[in-house]
C-alpha cells in the first residue's frame, strides 16, 4: 500500500470526462490496461474505497465501498479516538482489504484525515490498522487534502469562467480552494486555500442534543462564520482573485441539496453529479431543510435516518460559505478525494508502493497482494 505523497506538486491536471469512464488528457499511456489501482479514504465519519483500472486514457471503476464508521465520535470531548470507533473503522478497512485482494490491486494509496490528525492516539491507531489489516495509511496534512479534493472534481470545472471556489465539507474539517482557470489548456492553479477545523461531526458535537432546538441553527451558523474569519488566507468576501467565478461543492450536504432540488424519489448519483444550481434554487432548498424536523429528514429519500442529524450542521457550514462569497451558480460534485487519488496515481504524480499481483510470465507466477483480512486466505 502506498505510504503517501509528501512533497508532491500542488498543481492540478486538465479537465477530464465524467464517470463511469473518466478520461484524463494527462494520463500516461505507459500504464498497462491490467494495472489495478485503489484509493482508500478514512475520514472522521466515513471509510470509502474506490478500485479502478486505466482504460485507454481513462479509468473505469471496478469496485467501491462506503461505510459510516464515526471514527471521530467523541473526539472533541476526549481528544482521543475511542476503542469502539477504532474497531468500527478496522472492521470496515478489513472489508476494503478483501475487495482489494479479490480485484488484484497492484498500486494503491490510503489516507487518513482530520480525526487521525487531531487525536492524540491517531498515529498509534494507524500503526494498529497496519498490524491488523496489512493496509498502511498516511495521515495527510490539510493542504494535501485540499489538493486531492480539488483534483478529484477538476472534470466538472467550467473553464469559461476565470476562477472557481472548490469546497469540501468533511466530517472533521472543511477545505476551501480558490482555483485559477485563466490558462486554458493548462492545469488549474491553486491561488489560495484554507482549512477550517469544523465538519459535520465536529460541529454537531458542539451542540449535543440541541440540533433542532430553537436558535441552535443560528448559533451553528455564527460559529462557522467566526471560524471562517479566523482563516487569514481566504479570499475577501464576495470575490475571487481570478475574477468571474463559480462554486463547486463536494460533500453529502451539497449532494443532498441537489437531490431535494431535483425532487428525486431516491438518490441517483448520475443525476446529481455535475448538476448546476442557481442561487435562488439554493436559497429555496436551504429554507426547506431548515423547516424540517428530524423525523421528516429521516424519512426523506435523499437524506435518510443515518444522515438526519448530520445534514443540519452540514447545512450551516454550507450556508456560511455560500453567503460569504455568494456566486451566481454552483456545481455539485459526487466525487472528491478518492477520485483525486486515483487520477494522481495513474498520472504518476503520486508515488505508490507497487503491490505484487499474480501473473503468469514465462512459466513463473508473481505473488498476489494479500493484506491481512482477519480471515483465512
Protein backbone atom coordinates (compact mmCIF):
# COMPACT_ATOMS: atom_id res chain seq x y z
CA UNK A 1 0.00 0.00 0.00
CA UNK A 2 1.23 3.46 -0.78
CA UNK A 3 2.67 5.48 2.03
CA UNK A 4 1.58 8.91 0.92
CA UNK A 5 2.89 11.59 -1.40
CA UNK A 6 4.64 14.17 0.70
CA UNK A 7 6.34 16.75 -1.46
CA UNK A 8 4.07 16.14 -4.47
CA UNK A 9 3.30 19.24 -6.57
CA UNK A 10 0.14 21.17 -5.77
CA UNK A 11 -0.81 21.78 -9.41
CA UNK A 12 -3.93 20.10 -10.82
CA UNK A 13 -4.44 18.26 -14.07
CA UNK A 14 -6.53 19.30 -17.03
CA UNK A 15 -10.29 18.60 -17.10
CA UNK A 16 -11.39 15.05 -17.66
CA UNK A 17 -14.68 13.45 -18.64
CA UNK A 18 -17.38 12.18 -16.31
CA UNK A 19 -17.64 8.65 -14.95
CA UNK A 20 -18.05 5.71 -15.40
CA UNK A 21 -15.11 6.08 -17.76
CA UNK A 22 -13.13 9.09 -16.54
CA UNK A 23 -10.88 10.45 -19.24
CA UNK A 24 -7.69 12.34 -18.48
CA UNK A 25 -5.68 14.13 -21.15
CA UNK A 26 -2.60 13.95 -18.93
CA UNK A 27 -2.73 10.26 -18.06
CA UNK A 28 0.34 8.50 -19.46
CA UNK A 29 -0.26 5.67 -21.90
CA UNK A 30 2.56 3.62 -20.37
CA UNK A 31 0.21 2.06 -17.83
CA UNK A 32 -0.87 -1.43 -18.82
CA UNK A 33 -4.63 -2.00 -19.05
CA UNK A 34 -4.21 -4.79 -16.48
CA UNK A 35 -2.79 -2.42 -13.86
CA UNK A 36 -5.29 -2.13 -10.97
CA UNK A 37 -5.39 0.92 -8.68
CA UNK A 38 -7.13 1.54 -5.36
CA UNK A 39 -7.84 4.69 -3.34
CA UNK A 40 -8.90 4.37 0.30
CA UNK A 41 -10.08 7.37 2.33
CA UNK A 42 -10.57 7.09 6.09
CA UNK A 43 -12.35 10.22 7.27
CA UNK A 44 -13.88 11.41 10.50
CA UNK A 45 -17.26 9.93 9.60
CA UNK A 46 -16.79 7.52 6.68
CA UNK A 47 -14.47 4.88 5.25
CA UNK A 48 -14.53 4.85 1.44
CA UNK A 49 -12.79 2.72 -1.17
CA UNK A 50 -12.58 3.00 -4.95
CA UNK A 51 -10.88 0.40 -7.17
CA UNK A 52 -10.30 1.18 -10.85
CA UNK A 53 -8.20 0.32 -13.89
CA UNK A 54 -6.86 2.52 -16.69
CA UNK A 55 -8.86 2.23 -19.89
CA UNK A 56 -7.28 3.87 -22.98
CA UNK A 57 -6.55 7.19 -21.33
CA UNK A 58 -9.37 6.87 -18.83
CA UNK A 59 -10.21 4.85 -15.76
CA UNK A 60 -13.11 2.50 -15.19
CA UNK A 61 -14.42 1.77 -11.70
CA UNK A 62 -14.24 -1.92 -10.83
CA UNK A 63 -15.42 -1.83 -7.23
CA UNK A 64 -16.34 0.60 -4.46
CA UNK A 65 -17.26 0.59 -0.80
CA UNK A 66 -18.54 3.14 1.69
CA UNK A 67 -19.45 2.75 5.34
CA UNK A 68 -20.23 5.21 8.12
CA UNK A 69 -17.72 4.41 10.90
CA UNK A 70 -17.93 7.61 13.00
CA UNK A 71 -14.21 7.44 13.77
CA UNK A 72 -14.24 10.94 15.26
CA UNK A 73 -17.17 10.28 17.60
CA UNK A 74 -16.44 11.88 20.99
CA UNK A 75 -13.06 13.22 19.84
CA UNK A 76 -13.91 16.81 20.79
CA UNK A 77 -14.57 15.79 24.38
CA UNK A 78 -11.69 13.36 24.98
CA UNK A 79 -9.02 14.27 22.45
CA UNK A 80 -8.70 10.57 21.60
CA UNK A 81 -10.25 8.03 19.24
CA UNK A 82 -12.46 5.70 21.26
CA UNK A 83 -12.00 1.93 21.22
CA UNK A 84 -15.48 1.43 19.75
CA UNK A 85 -14.81 3.93 16.95
CA UNK A 86 -11.44 2.39 16.13
CA UNK A 87 -12.95 -1.08 15.99
CA UNK A 88 -15.72 0.10 13.63
CA UNK A 89 -13.08 1.58 11.34
CA UNK A 90 -10.91 -1.54 11.41
CA UNK A 91 -13.92 -3.72 10.57
CA UNK A 92 -14.62 -1.54 7.53
CA UNK A 93 -10.96 -1.47 6.48
CA UNK A 94 -10.85 -5.28 6.57
CA UNK A 95 -13.71 -5.34 4.06
CA UNK A 96 -11.72 -2.96 1.85
CA UNK A 97 -8.67 -5.23 2.13
CA UNK A 98 -10.71 -8.22 0.97
CA UNK A 99 -12.06 -6.27 -2.02
CA UNK A 100 -8.57 -5.10 -2.96
CA UNK A 101 -7.19 -8.62 -2.78
CA UNK A 102 -10.02 -10.05 -4.88
CA UNK A 103 -9.56 -7.33 -7.51
CA UNK A 104 -5.81 -7.92 -7.74
CA UNK A 105 -4.80 -4.38 -6.80
CA UNK A 106 -1.21 -3.60 -7.79
CA UNK A 107 -0.86 0.06 -6.79
CA UNK A 108 -2.77 1.85 -4.06
CA UNK A 109 -2.93 4.75 -1.68
CA UNK A 110 -4.66 5.00 1.69
CA UNK A 111 -5.11 8.27 3.56
CA UNK A 112 -6.49 9.34 6.93
CA UNK A 113 -7.65 12.89 7.57
CA UNK A 114 -8.86 15.18 10.38
CA UNK A 115 -9.76 12.66 13.08
CA UNK A 116 -6.35 10.98 12.91
CA UNK A 117 -4.61 14.36 12.54
CA UNK A 118 -6.02 15.71 15.80
CA UNK A 119 -6.38 12.62 18.01
CA UNK A 120 -3.51 12.05 20.43
CA UNK A 121 -3.70 8.34 19.63
CA UNK A 122 -4.08 8.86 15.87
CA UNK A 123 -0.59 7.62 14.91
CA UNK A 124 -0.92 4.64 17.26
CA UNK A 125 -4.25 3.76 15.66
CA UNK A 126 -2.73 3.89 12.17
CA UNK A 127 0.03 1.53 13.34
CA UNK A 128 -2.64 -0.80 14.74
CA UNK A 129 -4.52 -0.72 11.41
CA UNK A 130 -1.35 -1.76 9.58
CA UNK A 131 -0.75 -4.62 12.00
CA UNK A 132 -4.33 -5.93 11.94
CA UNK A 133 -5.24 -5.39 8.26
CA UNK A 134 -1.96 -5.10 6.36
CA UNK A 135 -3.00 -1.71 4.96
CA UNK A 136 -0.71 1.27 5.60
CA UNK A 137 -2.38 4.69 5.89
CA UNK A 138 -0.80 8.11 5.54
CA UNK A 139 -2.17 10.86 7.83
CA UNK A 140 -2.16 13.73 5.36
CA UNK A 141 -1.99 17.48 6.14
CA UNK A 142 -4.88 19.83 5.23
CA UNK A 143 -3.13 21.23 2.13
CA UNK A 144 -2.83 17.77 0.64
CA UNK A 145 -6.46 17.02 1.45
CA UNK A 146 -7.44 20.26 -0.30
CA UNK A 147 -5.29 19.47 -3.34
CA UNK A 148 -6.67 15.93 -3.74
CA UNK A 149 -10.27 17.09 -3.34
CA UNK A 150 -9.74 19.74 -6.00
CA UNK A 151 -8.06 17.24 -8.30
CA UNK A 152 -10.98 14.86 -7.93
CA UNK A 153 -13.56 17.43 -9.06
CA UNK A 154 -11.45 19.03 -11.81
CA UNK A 155 -13.53 17.32 -14.54
CA UNK A 156 -16.53 19.43 -13.51
CA UNK A 157 -14.87 22.86 -13.62
CA UNK A 158 -16.25 25.31 -16.17
CA UNK A 159 -13.21 26.73 -17.95
CA UNK A 160 -15.33 29.56 -19.39
CA UNK A 161 -15.05 31.27 -16.01
CA UNK A 162 -11.79 32.76 -14.78
CA UNK A 163 -11.86 31.07 -11.40
CA UNK A 164 -13.58 28.58 -9.15
CA UNK A 165 -14.05 28.19 -5.41
CA UNK A 166 -13.99 24.49 -4.52
CA UNK A 167 -15.06 23.43 -1.05
CA UNK A 168 -15.19 20.04 0.62
CA UNK A 169 -17.27 19.66 3.80
CA UNK A 170 -15.96 16.63 5.65
CA UNK A 171 -16.71 15.03 8.97
CA UNK A 172 -13.94 16.77 10.89
CA UNK A 173 -12.81 19.67 8.71
CA UNK A 174 -13.78 21.78 5.72
CA UNK A 175 -11.35 22.68 2.94
CA UNK A 176 -11.71 25.71 0.64
CA UNK A 177 -9.62 26.12 -2.53
CA UNK A 178 -9.51 29.10 -4.91
CA UNK A 179 -8.50 27.91 -8.38
CA UNK A 180 -7.21 29.95 -11.32
CA UNK A 181 -8.83 28.82 -14.60
CA UNK A 182 -7.45 31.56 -16.85
CA UNK A 183 -4.75 29.49 -18.55
CA UNK A 184 -6.70 27.33 -20.98
CA UNK A 185 -5.12 24.03 -21.87
CA UNK A 186 -3.12 24.02 -18.63
CA UNK A 187 -3.95 22.55 -15.22
CA UNK A 188 -5.77 24.89 -12.82
CA UNK A 189 -3.55 26.55 -10.23
CA UNK A 190 -4.29 26.91 -6.54
CA UNK A 191 -4.24 30.63 -5.75
CA UNK A 192 -5.40 30.41 -2.15
CA UNK A 193 -6.63 27.73 0.19
CA UNK A 194 -7.80 27.34 3.75
CA UNK A 195 -8.84 24.60 6.15
CA UNK A 196 -11.42 25.05 8.88
CA UNK A 197 -11.42 22.56 11.79
CA UNK A 198 -15.18 22.16 11.58
CA UNK A 199 -17.04 19.39 9.77
CA UNK A 200 -20.44 17.84 10.15
CA UNK A 201 -19.35 15.64 13.07
CA UNK A 202 -17.23 18.19 14.96
CA UNK A 203 -19.88 20.90 14.63
CA UNK A 204 -22.71 18.60 15.70
CA UNK A 205 -20.77 17.61 18.83
CA UNK A 206 -20.61 21.26 19.86
CA UNK A 207 -24.43 21.15 20.11
CA UNK A 208 -25.20 17.75 21.66
CA UNK A 209 -28.92 17.02 21.65
CA UNK A 210 -29.70 20.57 20.55
CA UNK A 211 -29.64 20.43 16.76
CA UNK A 212 -33.40 21.00 16.46
CA UNK A 213 -33.72 23.41 19.39
CA UNK A 214 -34.91 26.96 18.63
CA UNK A 215 -31.94 29.16 17.84
CA UNK A 216 -29.45 26.29 17.58
CA UNK A 217 -29.05 26.60 13.81
CA UNK A 218 -28.32 30.32 14.08
CA UNK A 219 -25.68 29.57 16.74
CA UNK A 220 -24.05 26.98 14.46
CA UNK A 221 -24.07 29.43 11.57
CA UNK A 222 -22.42 32.10 13.71
CA UNK A 223 -19.79 29.60 14.91
CA UNK A 224 -18.88 28.68 11.33
CA UNK A 225 -18.63 32.32 10.26
CA UNK A 226 -16.33 33.03 13.20
CA UNK A 227 -14.09 30.13 12.18
CA UNK A 228 -14.05 31.32 8.56
CA UNK A 229 -12.98 34.83 9.58
CA UNK A 230 -10.09 33.32 11.54
CA UNK A 231 -8.56 31.88 8.35
CA UNK A 232 -6.29 34.69 7.13
CA UNK A 233 -5.50 33.06 3.77
CA UNK A 234 -9.04 33.21 2.41
CA UNK A 235 -10.18 35.47 -0.42
CA UNK A 236 -12.20 38.56 0.61
CA UNK A 237 -15.98 38.02 0.87
CA UNK A 238 -17.89 38.15 -2.39
CA UNK A 239 -14.89 37.88 -4.68
CA UNK A 240 -12.28 35.67 -6.29
CA UNK A 241 -8.67 36.66 -7.01
CA UNK A 242 -9.01 35.49 -10.64
CA UNK A 243 -12.25 37.36 -11.42
CA UNK A 244 -15.57 35.85 -12.56
CA UNK A 245 -16.03 32.55 -10.75
CA UNK A 246 -18.36 29.73 -9.83
CA UNK A 247 -18.51 27.45 -6.82
CA UNK A 248 -18.07 23.70 -6.85
CA UNK A 249 -19.05 21.75 -3.76
CA UNK A 250 -18.27 18.17 -2.83
CA UNK A 251 -19.95 16.72 0.25
CA UNK A 252 -23.06 14.87 1.34
CA UNK A 253 -24.63 18.20 2.24
CA UNK A 254 -24.27 19.58 -1.28
CA UNK A 255 -25.48 16.39 -2.97
CA UNK A 256 -28.47 16.37 -0.61
CA UNK A 257 -29.37 19.92 -1.64
CA UNK A 258 -29.18 18.87 -5.29
CA UNK A 259 -31.32 15.77 -4.71
CA UNK A 260 -34.02 17.80 -2.96
CA UNK A 261 -33.93 20.45 -5.68
CA UNK A 262 -34.42 17.77 -8.35
CA UNK A 263 -37.27 16.17 -6.40
CA UNK A 264 -35.67 12.72 -6.55
CA UNK A 265 -37.70 9.86 -5.09
CA UNK A 266 -34.38 8.13 -4.37
CA UNK A 267 -30.83 9.37 -4.56
CA UNK A 268 -29.30 8.92 -8.04
CA UNK A 269 -25.65 9.80 -8.47
CA UNK A 270 -25.95 10.06 -12.24
CA UNK A 271 -28.48 12.89 -11.88
CA UNK A 272 -26.72 14.71 -9.03
CA UNK A 273 -23.04 14.62 -10.03
CA UNK A 274 -22.39 17.63 -12.25
CA UNK A 275 -25.76 19.30 -11.57
CA UNK A 276 -25.76 23.11 -11.73
CA UNK A 277 -27.76 25.02 -9.10
CA UNK A 278 -28.80 28.65 -9.35
CA UNK A 279 -28.68 30.98 -6.38
CA UNK A 280 -32.47 31.14 -5.97
CA UNK A 281 -32.77 27.36 -6.05
CA UNK A 282 -30.14 27.02 -3.32
CA UNK A 283 -31.86 29.58 -1.08
CA UNK A 284 -35.18 27.77 -1.52
CA UNK A 285 -33.77 24.35 -0.56
CA UNK A 286 -31.91 25.81 2.44
CA UNK A 287 -35.21 27.22 3.73
CA UNK A 288 -36.94 23.90 3.11
CA UNK A 289 -34.30 21.97 5.07
CA UNK A 290 -34.40 24.42 7.97
CA UNK A 291 -38.13 23.81 8.37
CA UNK A 292 -37.79 20.01 8.53
CA UNK A 293 -37.73 18.22 11.86
CA UNK A 294 -35.57 15.17 12.44
CA UNK A 295 -38.40 12.76 11.61
CA UNK A 296 -39.02 14.50 8.29
CA UNK A 297 -35.34 14.46 7.40
CA UNK A 298 -35.04 10.77 8.27
CA UNK A 299 -37.99 9.96 6.03
CA UNK A 300 -36.71 11.98 3.08
CA UNK A 301 -35.28 9.70 0.34
CA UNK A 302 -32.27 11.99 -0.24
CA UNK A 303 -31.36 12.17 3.46
CA UNK A 304 -32.39 9.06 5.41
CA UNK A 305 -32.06 8.16 9.10
CA UNK A 306 -28.25 7.81 9.06
CA UNK A 307 -27.78 11.44 7.99
CA UNK A 308 -30.84 13.03 9.57
CA UNK A 309 -28.76 14.81 12.21
CA UNK A 310 -25.50 15.50 10.37
CA UNK A 311 -27.23 17.25 7.48
CA UNK A 312 -28.09 20.21 9.75
CA UNK A 313 -24.52 21.12 10.79
CA UNK A 314 -23.51 20.45 7.20
CA UNK A 315 -26.15 22.92 6.05
CA UNK A 316 -24.83 25.54 8.48
CA UNK A 317 -21.31 25.13 7.09
CA UNK A 318 -22.59 25.30 3.53
CA UNK A 319 -24.75 28.38 4.15
CA UNK A 320 -21.87 30.21 5.83
CA UNK A 321 -19.61 29.58 2.82
CA UNK A 322 -22.31 30.32 0.26
CA UNK A 323 -23.49 33.59 1.84
CA UNK A 324 -19.92 34.82 2.37
CA UNK A 325 -18.88 34.51 -1.29
CA UNK A 326 -22.31 34.13 -3.00
CA UNK A 327 -21.54 33.08 -6.58
CA UNK A 328 -24.24 33.24 -9.27
CA UNK A 329 -24.20 29.45 -9.61
CA UNK A 330 -22.84 26.32 -8.00
CA UNK A 331 -21.96 22.91 -9.41
CA UNK A 332 -22.47 19.76 -7.38
CA UNK A 333 -19.86 17.01 -7.28
CA UNK A 334 -20.49 13.48 -6.06
CA UNK A 335 -16.76 12.78 -6.19
CA UNK A 336 -13.66 14.03 -4.43
CA UNK A 337 -10.68 12.61 -2.52
CA UNK A 338 -10.80 9.06 -3.88
CA UNK A 339 -11.06 10.20 -7.48
CA UNK A 340 -8.27 12.70 -6.89
CA UNK A 341 -6.02 9.96 -5.51
CA UNK A 342 -6.76 7.62 -8.41
CA UNK A 343 -6.10 10.24 -11.07
CA UNK A 344 -2.87 11.32 -9.38
CA UNK A 345 -1.68 7.72 -9.09
CA UNK A 346 -2.45 6.99 -12.73
CA UNK A 347 -0.80 10.18 -13.92
CA UNK A 348 2.33 9.32 -11.96
CA UNK A 349 2.27 12.49 -9.83
CA UNK A 350 1.79 10.47 -6.64
CA UNK A 351 4.32 7.84 -5.54
CA UNK A 352 2.81 4.49 -4.61
CA UNK A 353 4.16 1.22 -3.39
CA UNK A 354 3.57 -1.29 -6.18
CA UNK A 355 1.75 -4.30 -4.81
CA UNK A 356 2.63 -7.72 -6.11
CA UNK A 357 -0.03 -9.48 -8.10
CA UNK A 358 -0.19 -12.98 -9.50
CA UNK A 359 0.54 -13.14 -13.21
CA UNK A 360 1.94 -15.89 -15.42
CA UNK A 361 5.13 -14.98 -17.23
CA UNK A 362 7.43 -17.50 -18.89
CA UNK A 363 6.19 -20.27 -16.66
CA UNK A 364 6.55 -18.23 -13.42
CA UNK A 365 3.96 -16.60 -11.18
CA UNK A 366 4.04 -13.36 -9.26
CA UNK A 367 2.57 -13.37 -5.81
CA UNK A 368 -0.78 -11.70 -5.33
CA UNK A 369 -1.18 -8.78 -2.93
CA UNK A 370 -2.59 -10.30 0.28
CA UNK A 371 -3.39 -7.86 3.07
CA UNK A 372 -4.29 -9.27 6.47
CA UNK A 373 -8.08 -9.56 6.39
CA UNK A 374 -8.53 -11.39 9.65
CA UNK A 375 -9.87 -14.41 7.78
CA UNK A 376 -8.34 -17.43 6.03
CA UNK A 377 -6.94 -16.66 2.58
